[in-house]
Amino acid sequence: MCAYRRGYGCQTTLLRMLEDWKRALDDHHHVGAILMDLSKAFDCLPHDLFLRKLSAYGVGEGAVRLLQSYLGNRSQRVKLGPNTSEWRLLKKGVPQGSILGPLVFNIFINDIFYKIKDSVLYNYADDNTLSYENKNVDA
């Protein structure tokens, strides 16, 4: 993952993909890819699942409680013209533009890298490409 790191851009991920695909084609392999855009991913991250993942990764109870406090008890309302909605408690999502937002998102999706076998997952921010290569086109 290159997003949110100084000196890396989407070009880094694109170049890595193109180099890998060119090598595979030079080796007479077939390449397939699935491109996914997880836009609005920051808004959809369920707090309870994220906190359980932290515990499963071995993050200490104090740190989990601190992040629970950071994510919890947030509310929002919408104003459209002269109308304003009621306040609603947020149970998912991370604060937009926050320093911890990208880190929380990366931790949340981190286990996808362990679930995918025999494939390569290229990731930049909320854009993901799953790539598979094989000599046999029917594989």
Protein backbone atom coordinates (compact mmCIF):
# COMPACT_ATOMS: atom_id res chain seq x y z
CA MET A 1 0.00 0.00 0.00
CA CYS A 2 1.44 3.32 -1.00
CA ALA A 3 -1.32 5.79 -0.21
CA TYR A 4 -0.81 8.24 2.60
CA ARG A 5 2.97 7.83 2.55
CA ARG A 6 5.33 10.65 1.66
CA GLY A 7 7.05 10.15 -1.69
CA TYR A 8 4.47 7.72 -3.05
CA GLY A 9 1.61 8.44 -5.38
CA CYS A 10 -0.87 6.53 -7.47
CA GLN A 11 1.84 6.40 -10.14
CA THR A 12 3.88 4.09 -7.88
CA THR A 13 1.08 1.54 -7.77
CA LEU A 14 0.32 1.90 -11.49
CA LEU A 15 3.97 1.36 -12.44
CA ARG A 16 4.21 -1.71 -10.20
CA MET A 17 1.08 -3.19 -11.82
CA LEU A 18 2.27 -2.48 -15.36
CA GLU A 19 5.73 -3.94 -14.68
CA ASP A 20 4.23 -7.11 -13.19
CA TRP A 21 1.76 -7.50 -16.05
CA LYS A 22 4.45 -6.91 -18.69
CA ARG A 23 6.67 -9.54 -17.04
CA ALA A 24 3.76 -12.02 -16.96
CA LEU A 25 2.96 -11.41 -20.63
CA ASP A 26 6.66 -11.73 -21.54
CA ASP A 27 6.54 -15.14 -19.80
CA HIS A 28 3.51 -16.03 -21.99
CA HIS A 29 1.12 -15.97 -19.03
CA HIS A 30 -2.46 -14.77 -19.14
CA VAL A 31 -3.37 -11.93 -16.78
CA GLY A 32 -6.78 -11.12 -15.36
CA ALA A 33 -7.66 -8.19 -13.15
CA ILE A 34 -10.59 -6.96 -11.11
CA LEU A 35 -10.59 -3.22 -10.39
CA MET A 36 -12.49 -2.01 -7.32
CA ASP A 37 -13.19 1.51 -6.13
CA LEU A 38 -14.04 1.57 -2.44
CA SER A 39 -15.17 5.19 -2.56
CA LYS A 40 -16.99 6.37 0.52
CA ALA A 41 -15.09 3.64 2.37
CA PHE A 42 -14.17 6.08 5.15
CA ASP A 43 -17.89 6.72 5.70
CA CYS A 44 -18.82 3.03 5.89
CA LEU A 45 -16.27 1.62 8.33
CA PRO A 46 -18.23 -0.02 11.21
CA HIS A 47 -16.72 1.01 14.55
CA ASP A 48 -17.50 -2.23 16.40
CA LEU A 49 -15.88 -4.44 13.74
CA PHE A 50 -12.81 -2.20 13.57
CA LEU A 51 -12.35 -2.34 17.35
CA ARG A 52 -12.70 -6.15 17.33
CA LYS A 53 -10.04 -6.33 14.60
CA LEU A 54 -7.68 -4.26 16.73
CA SER A 55 -8.12 -6.67 19.63
CA ALA A 56 -7.56 -9.64 17.30
CA TYR A 57 -4.31 -8.04 16.09
CA GLY A 58 -3.15 -7.86 19.71
CA VAL A 59 -3.59 -4.13 20.27
CA GLY A 60 -3.73 -3.43 24.00
CA GLU A 61 -7.00 -2.82 25.79
CA GLY A 62 -6.05 0.77 26.66
CA ALA A 63 -5.31 1.66 23.04
CA VAL A 64 -8.56 0.04 21.89
CA ARG A 65 -10.51 2.05 24.48
CA LEU A 66 -8.74 5.23 23.34
CA LEU A 67 -9.73 4.60 19.72
CA GLN A 68 -13.25 3.67 20.83
CA SER A 69 -13.46 7.05 22.53
CA TYR A 70 -12.08 8.76 19.41
CA LEU A 71 -14.62 7.10 17.10
CA GLY A 72 -17.59 6.97 19.45
CA ASN A 73 -20.07 9.58 20.61
CA ARG A 74 -19.95 11.49 17.33
CA SER A 75 -23.11 12.88 15.86
CA GLN A 76 -24.08 14.85 12.81
CA ARG A 77 -27.00 16.63 11.24
CA VAL A 78 -27.67 17.89 7.75
CA LYS A 79 -28.68 21.38 6.73
CA LEU A 80 -30.31 21.89 3.36
CA GLY A 81 -31.49 25.40 2.68
CA PRO A 82 -33.56 26.55 5.65
CA ASN A 83 -34.15 22.98 6.89
CA THR A 84 -31.97 21.22 9.45
CA SER A 85 -32.30 17.56 10.39
CA GLU A 86 -32.19 16.12 13.89
CA TRP A 87 -28.83 15.10 15.36
CA ARG A 88 -27.98 11.43 14.66
CA LEU A 89 -25.38 9.30 16.42
CA LEU A 90 -22.73 7.92 14.04
CA LYS A 91 -21.95 4.21 14.43
CA LYS A 92 -19.69 3.94 11.42
CA GLY A 93 -17.14 5.99 9.51
CA VAL A 94 -14.03 7.91 10.48
CA PRO A 95 -13.73 11.68 10.67
CA GLN A 96 -13.02 13.13 7.24
CA GLY A 97 -9.66 14.84 6.95
CA SER A 98 -8.43 13.47 10.26
CA ILE A 99 -4.85 12.36 10.72
CA LEU A 100 -5.97 8.95 12.00
CA GLY A 101 -8.52 8.37 9.22
CA PRO A 102 -6.14 6.81 6.66
CA LEU A 103 -4.45 4.68 9.34
CA VAL A 104 -7.80 3.41 10.63
CA PHE A 105 -8.88 2.57 7.07
CA ASN A 106 -5.60 0.75 6.30
CA ILE A 107 -5.85 -1.31 9.50
CA PHE A 108 -9.47 -2.13 8.70
CA ILE A 109 -8.75 -3.51 5.21
CA ASN A 110 -5.38 -5.05 6.11
CA ASP A 111 -6.71 -8.59 6.49
CA ILE A 112 -7.79 -8.68 2.84
CA PHE A 113 -4.11 -9.20 2.01
CA TYR A 114 -4.11 -12.43 4.04
CA LYS A 115 -7.32 -13.82 2.53
CA ILE A 116 -6.36 -13.63 -1.12
CA LYS A 117 -4.22 -16.54 -2.29
CA ASP A 118 -2.40 -16.94 -5.60
CA SER A 119 -3.23 -13.36 -6.54
CA VAL A 120 -1.72 -9.93 -6.09
CA LEU A 121 -3.69 -7.10 -4.58
CA TYR A 122 -2.53 -3.63 -5.59
CA ASN A 123 -3.89 -0.92 -3.36
CA TYR A 124 -3.83 2.86 -3.42
CA ALA A 125 -6.14 4.64 -0.98
CA ASP A 126 -9.64 3.36 -1.79
CA ASP A 127 -8.71 1.96 -5.23
CA ASN A 128 -7.85 -1.74 -5.36
CA THR A 129 -6.88 -4.05 -8.20
CA LEU A 130 -6.86 -7.81 -7.78
CA SER A 131 -4.58 -9.44 -10.35
CA TYR A 132 -4.14 -13.11 -11.25
CA GLU A 133 -1.75 -14.66 -13.73
CA ASN A 134 -1.49 -18.19 -15.08
CA LYS A 135 -0.10 -20.00 -18.11
CA ASN A 136 -3.46 -21.70 -18.60
CA VAL A 137 -6.22 -19.36 -19.78
CA ASP A 138 -8.84 -21.65 -18.19
CA ALA A 139 -7.30 -21.45 -14.69
